[in-house]
Amino acid sequence: MRNEARVGPFTVGGQPSEDDLRRFAASGHSTVINVRMPDEEGQLDKTTIDAVGVDYAEVPYTSATLSAEHVRRVREAVDQAGGTVLIY
């Protein structure tokens, strides 16, 4: 995955491929949080992500639209995760 970095219990990076998600799930990641805008190119659909077997949350924002509500929703998804989290 492009620009992948591990920060404590989180992995952050660019848009993952379906193979990237399978690899992350196999390595123990339990939750994927997608912060990209829905119209960004290369998005995977929820059905594909569900088939990989990870929990999924969408919290789309940009640097111009980021709000306390976005932060709250990301924290909520992290708090509910049963393992490590991928944020992209």
PDB file of N, CA and C in Angstrom:
ATOM      1  N   MET A   1       0.852  -1.171   0.000  1.00  0.00           N
ATOM      2  CA  MET A   1       0.000   0.000   0.000  1.00  0.00           C
ATOM      3  C   MET A   1       0.898   1.234   0.000  1.00  0.00           C
ATOM      4  N   ARG A   2       0.530   2.220  -0.769  1.00  0.00           N
ATOM      5  CA  ARG A   2       1.331   3.439  -0.855  1.00  0.00           C
ATOM      6  C   ARG A   2       1.309   4.218   0.457  1.00  0.00           C
ATOM      7  N   ASN A   3       2.462   4.778   0.791  1.00  0.00           N
ATOM      8  CA  ASN A   3       2.599   5.672   1.949  1.00  0.00           C
ATOM      9  C   ASN A   3       2.164   5.023   3.262  1.00  0.00           C
ATOM     10  N   GLU A   4       2.346   3.738   3.381  1.00  0.00           N
ATOM     11  CA  GLU A   4       1.941   3.015   4.582  1.00  0.00           C
ATOM     12  C   GLU A   4       2.883   3.343   5.737  1.00  0.00           C
ATOM     13  N   ALA A   5       2.299   3.606   6.903  1.00  0.00           N
ATOM     14  CA  ALA A   5       3.084   3.859   8.109  1.00  0.00           C
ATOM     15  C   ALA A   5       2.334   3.302   9.311  1.00  0.00           C
ATOM     16  N   ARG A   6       3.074   2.764  10.249  1.00  0.00           N
ATOM     17  CA  ARG A   6       2.480   2.238  11.485  1.00  0.00           C
ATOM     18  C   ARG A   6       2.664   3.275  12.576  1.00  0.00           C
ATOM     19  N   VAL A   7       1.585   3.637  13.263  1.00  0.00           N
ATOM     20  CA  VAL A   7       1.603   4.598  14.353  1.00  0.00           C
ATOM     21  C   VAL A   7       0.883   3.935  15.525  1.00  0.00           C
ATOM     22  N   GLY A   8       1.635   3.333  16.432  1.00  0.00           N
ATOM     23  CA  GLY A   8       1.028   2.592  17.538  1.00  0.00           C
ATOM     24  C   GLY A   8       0.146   1.484  17.003  1.00  0.00           C
ATOM     25  N   PRO A   9      -1.120   1.434  17.430  1.00  0.00           N
ATOM     26  CA  PRO A   9      -2.020   0.375  16.965  1.00  0.00           C
ATOM     27  C   PRO A   9      -2.668   0.668  15.612  1.00  0.00           C
ATOM     28  N   PHE A  10      -2.247   1.750  14.965  1.00  0.00           N
ATOM     29  CA  PHE A  10      -2.854   2.164  13.710  1.00  0.00           C
ATOM     30  C   PHE A  10      -1.886   1.982  12.549  1.00  0.00           C
ATOM     31  N   THR A  11      -2.448   1.629  11.405  1.00  0.00           N
ATOM     32  CA  THR A  11      -1.730   1.724  10.147  1.00  0.00           C
ATOM     33  C   THR A  11      -2.445   2.780   9.339  1.00  0.00           C
ATOM     34  N   VAL A  12      -1.700   3.722   8.797  1.00  0.00           N
ATOM     35  CA  VAL A  12      -2.275   4.765   7.947  1.00  0.00           C
ATOM     36  C   VAL A  12      -1.607   4.672   6.584  1.00  0.00           C
ATOM     37  N   GLY A  13      -2.327   5.075   5.564  1.00  0.00           N
ATOM     38  CA  GLY A  13      -1.751   5.021   4.237  1.00  0.00           C
ATOM     39  C   GLY A  13      -2.720   5.479   3.178  1.00  0.00           C
ATOM     40  N   GLY A  14      -2.303   5.286   1.945  1.00  0.00           N
ATOM     41  CA  GLY A  14      -3.121   5.647   0.798  1.00  0.00           C
ATOM     42  C   GLY A  14      -4.189   4.604   0.533  1.00  0.00           C
ATOM     43  N   GLN A  15      -4.909   4.790  -0.549  1.00  0.00           N
ATOM     44  CA  GLN A  15      -5.992   3.881  -0.942  1.00  0.00           C
ATOM     45  C   GLN A  15      -5.473   2.447  -1.061  1.00  0.00           C
ATOM     46  N   PRO A  16      -6.002   1.520  -0.261  1.00  0.00           N
ATOM     47  CA  PRO A  16      -5.568   0.131  -0.388  1.00  0.00           C
ATOM     48  C   PRO A  16      -6.262  -0.572  -1.555  1.00  0.00           C
ATOM     49  N   SER A  17      -5.601  -1.578  -2.077  1.00  0.00           N
ATOM     50  CA  SER A  17      -6.226  -2.452  -3.067  1.00  0.00           C
ATOM     51  C   SER A  17      -6.957  -3.563  -2.312  1.00  0.00           C
ATOM     52  N   GLU A  18      -7.706  -4.348  -3.031  1.00  0.00           N
ATOM     53  CA  GLU A  18      -8.375  -5.490  -2.404  1.00  0.00           C
ATOM     54  C   GLU A  18      -7.341  -6.450  -1.826  1.00  0.00           C
ATOM     55  N   ASP A  19      -6.229  -6.668  -2.527  1.00  0.00           N
ATOM     56  CA  ASP A  19      -5.158  -7.527  -2.013  1.00  0.00           C
ATOM     57  C   ASP A  19      -4.535  -6.940  -0.748  1.00  0.00           C
ATOM     58  N   ASP A  20      -4.352  -5.614  -0.697  1.00  0.00           N
ATOM     59  CA  ASP A  20      -3.840  -4.965   0.510  1.00  0.00           C
ATOM     60  C   ASP A  20      -4.755  -5.259   1.693  1.00  0.00           C
ATOM     61  N   LEU A  21      -6.066  -5.142   1.474  1.00  0.00           N
ATOM     62  CA  LEU A  21      -7.014  -5.391   2.566  1.00  0.00           C
ATOM     63  C   LEU A  21      -6.959  -6.834   3.040  1.00  0.00           C
ATOM     64  N   ARG A  22      -6.837  -7.754   2.116  1.00  0.00           N
ATOM     65  CA  ARG A  22      -6.720  -9.168   2.511  1.00  0.00           C
ATOM     66  C   ARG A  22      -5.467  -9.380   3.374  1.00  0.00           C
ATOM     67  N   ARG A  23      -4.373  -8.761   2.969  1.00  0.00           N
ATOM     68  CA  ARG A  23      -3.132  -8.881   3.718  1.00  0.00           C
ATOM     69  C   ARG A  23      -3.282  -8.275   5.116  1.00  0.00           C
ATOM     70  N   PHE A  24      -3.917  -7.119   5.209  1.00  0.00           N
ATOM     71  CA  PHE A  24      -4.122  -6.497   6.513  1.00  0.00           C
ATOM     72  C   PHE A  24      -5.021  -7.345   7.402  1.00  0.00           C
ATOM     73  N   ALA A  25      -6.084  -7.886   6.849  1.00  0.00           N
ATOM     74  CA  ALA A  25      -6.976  -8.742   7.633  1.00  0.00           C
ATOM     75  C   ALA A  25      -6.233  -9.982   8.118  1.00  0.00           C
ATOM     76  N   ALA A  26      -5.427 -10.578   7.254  1.00  0.00           N
ATOM     77  CA  ALA A  26      -4.669 -11.774   7.617  1.00  0.00           C
ATOM     78  C   ALA A  26      -3.631 -11.488   8.698  1.00  0.00           C
ATOM     79  N   SER A  27      -3.186 -10.232   8.780  1.00  0.00           N
ATOM     80  CA  SER A  27      -2.181  -9.889   9.790  1.00  0.00           C
ATOM     81  C   SER A  27      -2.807  -9.363  11.082  1.00  0.00           C
ATOM     82  N   GLY A  28      -4.133  -9.481  11.210  1.00  0.00           N
ATOM     83  CA  GLY A  28      -4.786  -9.166  12.470  1.00  0.00           C
ATOM     84  C   GLY A  28      -5.521  -7.843  12.547  1.00  0.00           C
ATOM     85  N   HIS A  29      -5.527  -7.077  11.486  1.00  0.00           N
ATOM     86  CA  HIS A  29      -6.293  -5.832  11.518  1.00  0.00           C
ATOM     87  C   HIS A  29      -7.777  -6.180  11.579  1.00  0.00           C
ATOM     88  N   SER A  30      -8.490  -5.481  12.433  1.00  0.00           N
ATOM     89  CA  SER A  30      -9.907  -5.796  12.592  1.00  0.00           C
ATOM     90  C   SER A  30     -10.832  -4.763  11.970  1.00  0.00           C
ATOM     91  N   THR A  31     -10.334  -3.547  11.794  1.00  0.00           N
ATOM     92  CA  THR A  31     -11.202  -2.451  11.381  1.00  0.00           C
ATOM     93  C   THR A  31     -10.519  -1.585  10.332  1.00  0.00           C
ATOM     94  N   VAL A  32     -11.297  -1.169   9.345  1.00  0.00           N
ATOM     95  CA  VAL A  32     -10.834  -0.263   8.306  1.00  0.00           C
ATOM     96  C   VAL A  32     -11.682   0.998   8.408  1.00  0.00           C
ATOM     97  N   ILE A  33     -11.010   2.149   8.468  1.00  0.00           N
ATOM     98  CA  ILE A  33     -11.712   3.429   8.504  1.00  0.00           C
ATOM     99  C   ILE A  33     -11.304   4.213   7.261  1.00  0.00           C
ATOM    100  N   ASN A  34     -12.281   4.497   6.425  1.00  0.00           N
ATOM    101  CA  ASN A  34     -12.067   5.204   5.171  1.00  0.00           C
ATOM    102  C   ASN A  34     -12.424   6.674   5.387  1.00  0.00           C
ATOM    103  N   VAL A  35     -11.407   7.552   5.295  1.00  0.00           N
ATOM    104  CA  VAL A  35     -11.657   8.985   5.476  1.00  0.00           C
ATOM    105  C   VAL A  35     -11.642   9.739   4.146  1.00  0.00           C
ATOM    106  N   ARG A  36     -11.557   8.999   3.055  1.00  0.00           N
ATOM    107  CA  ARG A  36     -11.543   9.631   1.733  1.00  0.00           C
ATOM    108  C   ARG A  36     -12.950  10.034   1.316  1.00  0.00           C
ATOM    109  N   MET A  37     -13.023  11.028   0.459  1.00  0.00           N
ATOM    110  CA  MET A  37     -14.311  11.475  -0.060  1.00  0.00           C
ATOM    111  C   MET A  37     -14.840  10.419  -1.029  1.00  0.00           C
ATOM    112  N   PRO A  38     -16.157  10.214  -1.056  1.00  0.00           N
ATOM    113  CA  PRO A  38     -16.744   9.156  -1.892  1.00  0.00           C
ATOM    114  C   PRO A  38     -16.436   9.273  -3.381  1.00  0.00           C
ATOM    115  N   ASP A  39     -16.202  10.483  -3.867  1.00  0.00           N
ATOM    116  CA  ASP A  39     -15.962  10.657  -5.296  1.00  0.00           C
ATOM    117  C   ASP A  39     -14.484  10.507  -5.687  1.00  0.00           C
ATOM    118  N   GLU A  40     -13.611  10.201  -4.716  1.00  0.00           N
ATOM    119  CA  GLU A  40     -12.206  10.007  -5.046  1.00  0.00           C
ATOM    120  C   GLU A  40     -12.015   8.717  -5.825  1.00  0.00           C
ATOM    121  N   GLU A  41     -11.132   8.760  -6.780  1.00  0.00           N
ATOM    122  CA  GLU A  41     -10.869   7.631  -7.669  1.00  0.00           C
ATOM    123  C   GLU A  41     -10.306   6.434  -6.897  1.00  0.00           C
ATOM    124  N   GLY A  42     -10.711   5.230  -7.317  1.00  0.00           N
ATOM    125  CA  GLY A  42     -10.141   4.002  -6.771  1.00  0.00           C
ATOM    126  C   GLY A  42     -10.808   3.453  -5.535  1.00  0.00           C
ATOM    127  N   GLN A  43     -11.931   4.035  -5.130  1.00  0.00           N
ATOM    128  CA  GLN A  43     -12.607   3.562  -3.922  1.00  0.00           C
ATOM    129  C   GLN A  43     -13.060   2.111  -4.078  1.00  0.00           C
ATOM    130  N   LEU A  44     -12.892   1.326  -3.021  1.00  0.00           N
ATOM    131  CA  LEU A  44     -13.443  -0.024  -2.979  1.00  0.00           C
ATOM    132  C   LEU A  44     -14.864   0.060  -2.440  1.00  0.00           C
ATOM    133  N   ASP A  45     -15.740  -0.796  -2.931  1.00  0.00           N
ATOM    134  CA  ASP A  45     -17.109  -0.755  -2.420  1.00  0.00           C
ATOM    135  C   ASP A  45     -17.215  -1.553  -1.127  1.00  0.00           C
ATOM    136  N   LYS A  46     -18.255  -1.246  -0.356  1.00  0.00           N
ATOM    137  CA  LYS A  46     -18.448  -1.861   0.961  1.00  0.00           C
ATOM    138  C   LYS A  46     -18.578  -3.379   0.851  1.00  0.00           C
ATOM    139  N   THR A  47     -19.189  -3.881  -0.200  1.00  0.00           N
ATOM    140  CA  THR A  47     -19.337  -5.321  -0.389  1.00  0.00           C
ATOM    141  C   THR A  47     -17.970  -5.997  -0.476  1.00  0.00           C
ATOM    142  N   THR A  48     -17.049  -5.403  -1.196  1.00  0.00           N
ATOM    143  CA  THR A  48     -15.697  -5.948  -1.319  1.00  0.00           C
ATOM    144  C   THR A  48     -15.004  -5.952   0.035  1.00  0.00           C
ATOM    145  N   ILE A  49     -15.134  -4.847   0.767  1.00  0.00           N
ATOM    146  CA  ILE A  49     -14.490  -4.755   2.080  1.00  0.00           C
ATOM    147  C   ILE A  49     -15.110  -5.749   3.052  1.00  0.00           C
ATOM    148  N   ASP A  50     -16.431  -5.871   3.048  1.00  0.00           N
ATOM    149  CA  ASP A  50     -17.099  -6.847   3.927  1.00  0.00           C
ATOM    150  C   ASP A  50     -16.635  -8.271   3.625  1.00  0.00           C
ATOM    151  N   ALA A  51     -16.424  -8.584   2.343  1.00  0.00           N
ATOM    152  CA  ALA A  51     -15.998  -9.926   1.953  1.00  0.00           C
ATOM    153  C   ALA A  51     -14.618 -10.262   2.501  1.00  0.00           C
ATOM    154  N   VAL A  52     -13.801  -9.251   2.754  1.00  0.00           N
ATOM    155  CA  VAL A  52     -12.467  -9.464   3.321  1.00  0.00           C
ATOM    156  C   VAL A  52     -12.576  -9.856   4.793  1.00  0.00           C
ATOM    157  N   GLY A  53     -13.661  -9.464   5.451  1.00  0.00           N
ATOM    158  CA  GLY A  53     -13.882  -9.879   6.835  1.00  0.00           C
ATOM    159  C   GLY A  53     -13.399  -8.902   7.887  1.00  0.00           C
ATOM    160  N   VAL A  54     -13.418  -7.606   7.563  1.00  0.00           N
ATOM    161  CA  VAL A  54     -13.048  -6.595   8.547  1.00  0.00           C
ATOM    162  C   VAL A  54     -14.235  -5.663   8.771  1.00  0.00           C
ATOM    163  N   ASP A  55     -14.283  -5.044   9.946  1.00  0.00           N
ATOM    164  CA  ASP A  55     -15.291  -4.024  10.198  1.00  0.00           C
ATOM    165  C   ASP A  55     -14.920  -2.790   9.386  1.00  0.00           C
ATOM    166  N   TYR A  56     -15.913  -2.012   8.996  1.00  0.00           N
ATOM    167  CA  TYR A  56     -15.683  -0.895   8.094  1.00  0.00           C
ATOM    168  C   TYR A  56     -16.466   0.323   8.554  1.00  0.00           C
ATOM    169  N   ALA A  57     -15.794   1.464   8.558  1.00  0.00           N
ATOM    170  CA  ALA A  57     -16.451   2.733   8.858  1.00  0.00           C
ATOM    171  C   ALA A  57     -16.029   3.759   7.818  1.00  0.00           C
ATOM    172  N   GLU A  58     -16.978   4.580   7.392  1.00  0.00           N
ATOM    173  CA  GLU A  58     -16.700   5.682   6.467  1.00  0.00           C
ATOM    174  C   GLU A  58     -16.879   6.989   7.219  1.00  0.00           C
ATOM    175  N   VAL A  59     -15.828   7.791   7.222  1.00  0.00           N
ATOM    176  CA  VAL A  59     -15.882   9.115   7.836  1.00  0.00           C
ATOM    177  C   VAL A  59     -15.192  10.079   6.868  1.00  0.00           C
ATOM    178  N   PRO A  60     -15.841  10.393   5.744  1.00  0.00           N
ATOM    179  CA  PRO A  60     -15.192  11.213   4.723  1.00  0.00           C
ATOM    180  C   PRO A  60     -15.044  12.672   5.149  1.00  0.00           C
ATOM    181  N   TYR A  61     -13.839  13.185   4.927  1.00  0.00           N
ATOM    182  CA  TYR A  61     -13.580  14.603   5.159  1.00  0.00           C
ATOM    183  C   TYR A  61     -12.370  15.034   4.341  1.00  0.00           C
ATOM    184  N   THR A  62     -12.216  16.330   4.215  1.00  0.00           N
ATOM    185  CA  THR A  62     -11.030  16.920   3.598  1.00  0.00           C
ATOM    186  C   THR A  62     -10.418  17.858   4.630  1.00  0.00           C
ATOM    187  N   SER A  63      -9.250  18.386   4.333  1.00  0.00           N
ATOM    188  CA  SER A  63      -8.637  19.338   5.265  1.00  0.00           C
ATOM    189  C   SER A  63      -9.539  20.564   5.443  1.00  0.00           C
ATOM    190  N   ALA A  64     -10.302  20.898   4.427  1.00  0.00           N
ATOM    191  CA  ALA A  64     -11.197  22.056   4.513  1.00  0.00           C
ATOM    192  C   ALA A  64     -12.491  21.762   5.270  1.00  0.00           C
ATOM    193  N   THR A  65     -12.895  20.485   5.342  1.00  0.00           N
ATOM    194  CA  THR A  65     -14.174  20.156   5.983  1.00  0.00           C
ATOM    195  C   THR A  65     -14.020  19.467   7.335  1.00  0.00           C
ATOM    196  N   LEU A  66     -12.803  19.153   7.749  1.00  0.00           N
ATOM    197  CA  LEU A  66     -12.577  18.436   9.008  1.00  0.00           C
ATOM    198  C   LEU A  66     -13.205  19.181  10.176  1.00  0.00           C
ATOM    199  N   SER A  67     -13.973  18.432  10.981  1.00  0.00           N
ATOM    200  CA  SER A  67     -14.662  19.034  12.127  1.00  0.00           C
ATOM    201  C   SER A  67     -14.527  18.125  13.348  1.00  0.00           C
ATOM    202  N   ALA A  68     -14.980  18.624  14.475  1.00  0.00           N
ATOM    203  CA  ALA A  68     -14.976  17.839  15.703  1.00  0.00           C
ATOM    204  C   ALA A  68     -15.838  16.583  15.538  1.00  0.00           C
ATOM    205  N   GLU A  69     -16.899  16.663  14.755  1.00  0.00           N
ATOM    206  CA  GLU A  69     -17.757  15.500  14.501  1.00  0.00           C
ATOM    207  C   GLU A  69     -16.997  14.402  13.773  1.00  0.00           C
ATOM    208  N   HIS A  70     -16.156  14.754  12.813  1.00  0.00           N
ATOM    209  CA  HIS A  70     -15.339  13.749  12.122  1.00  0.00           C
ATOM    210  C   HIS A  70     -14.396  13.065  13.108  1.00  0.00           C
ATOM    211  N   VAL A  71     -13.755  13.854  13.939  1.00  0.00           N
ATOM    212  CA  VAL A  71     -12.834  13.296  14.937  1.00  0.00           C
ATOM    213  C   VAL A  71     -13.590  12.363  15.875  1.00  0.00           C
ATOM    214  N   ARG A  72     -14.774  12.765  16.309  1.00  0.00           N
ATOM    215  CA  ARG A  72     -15.586  11.933  17.203  1.00  0.00           C
ATOM    216  C   ARG A  72     -15.927  10.603  16.544  1.00  0.00           C
ATOM    217  N   ARG A  73     -16.315  10.637  15.283  1.00  0.00           N
ATOM    218  CA  ARG A  73     -16.701   9.411  14.572  1.00  0.00           C
ATOM    219  C   ARG A  73     -15.513   8.480  14.348  1.00  0.00           C
ATOM    220  N   VAL A  74     -14.352   9.036  14.042  1.00  0.00           N
ATOM    221  CA  VAL A  74     -13.155   8.200  13.898  1.00  0.00           C
ATOM    222  C   VAL A  74     -12.805   7.585  15.249  1.00  0.00           C
ATOM    223  N   ARG A  75     -12.821   8.366  16.311  1.00  0.00           N
ATOM    224  CA  ARG A  75     -12.524   7.835  17.658  1.00  0.00           C
ATOM    225  C   ARG A  75     -13.511   6.737  18.043  1.00  0.00           C
ATOM    226  N   GLU A  76     -14.778   6.916  17.728  1.00  0.00           N
ATOM    227  CA  GLU A  76     -15.792   5.914  18.022  1.00  0.00           C
ATOM    228  C   GLU A  76     -15.479   4.603  17.297  1.00  0.00           C
ATOM    229  N   ALA A  77     -15.114   4.673  16.032  1.00  0.00           N
ATOM    230  CA  ALA A  77     -14.762   3.469  15.265  1.00  0.00           C
ATOM    231  C   ALA A  77     -13.520   2.807  15.854  1.00  0.00           C
ATOM    232  N   VAL A  78     -12.543   3.599  16.255  1.00  0.00           N
ATOM    233  CA  VAL A  78     -11.323   3.056  16.873  1.00  0.00           C
ATOM    234  C   VAL A  78     -11.666   2.387  18.198  1.00  0.00           C
ATOM    235  N   ASP A  79     -12.485   3.039  19.008  1.00  0.00           N
ATOM    236  CA  ASP A  79     -12.866   2.484  20.313  1.00  0.00           C
ATOM    237  C   ASP A  79     -13.621   1.166  20.174  1.00  0.00           C
ATOM    238  N   GLN A  80     -14.369   0.991  19.097  1.00  0.00           N
ATOM    239  CA  GLN A  80     -15.138  -0.229  18.887  1.00  0.00           C
ATOM    240  C   GLN A  80     -14.324  -1.337  18.220  1.00  0.00           C
ATOM    241  N   ALA A  81     -13.132  -1.020  17.763  1.00  0.00           N
ATOM    242  CA  ALA A  81     -12.305  -2.009  17.058  1.00  0.00           C
ATOM    243  C   ALA A  81     -11.847  -3.090  18.031  1.00  0.00           C
ATOM    244  N   GLY A  82     -11.830  -4.316  17.517  1.00  0.00           N
ATOM    245  CA  GLY A  82     -11.383  -5.439  18.312  1.00  0.00           C
ATOM    246  C   GLY A  82      -9.918  -5.764  18.100  1.00  0.00           C
ATOM    247  N   GLY A  83      -9.207  -4.939  17.403  1.00  0.00           N
ATOM    248  CA  GLY A  83      -7.801  -5.166  17.097  1.00  0.00           C
ATOM    249  C   GLY A  83      -7.207  -3.925  16.474  1.00  0.00           C
ATOM    250  N   THR A  84      -6.180  -4.106  15.691  1.00  0.00           N
ATOM    251  CA  THR A  84      -5.536  -2.945  15.085  1.00  0.00           C
ATOM    252  C   THR A  84      -6.394  -2.377  13.954  1.00  0.00           C
ATOM    253  N   VAL A  85      -6.119  -1.138  13.610  1.00  0.00           N
ATOM    254  CA  VAL A  85      -6.982  -0.371  12.712  1.00  0.00           C
ATOM    255  C   VAL A  85      -6.167   0.161  11.532  1.00  0.00           C
ATOM    256  N   LEU A  86      -6.758   0.081  10.342  1.00  0.00           N
ATOM    257  CA  LEU A  86      -6.222   0.703   9.145  1.00  0.00           C
ATOM    258  C   LEU A  86      -7.054   1.937   8.842  1.00  0.00           C
ATOM    259  N   ILE A  87      -6.395   3.100   8.735  1.00  0.00           N
ATOM    260  CA  ILE A  87      -7.071   4.352   8.390  1.00  0.00           C
ATOM    261  C   ILE A  87      -6.498   4.826   7.071  1.00  0.00           C
ATOM    262  N   TYR A  88      -7.372   5.048   6.100  1.00  0.00           N
ATOM    263  CA  TYR A  88      -6.907   5.569   4.817  1.00  0.00           C
ATOM    264  C   TYR A  88      -7.857   6.616   4.294  1.00  0.00           C
TER     265      TYR A  88
END
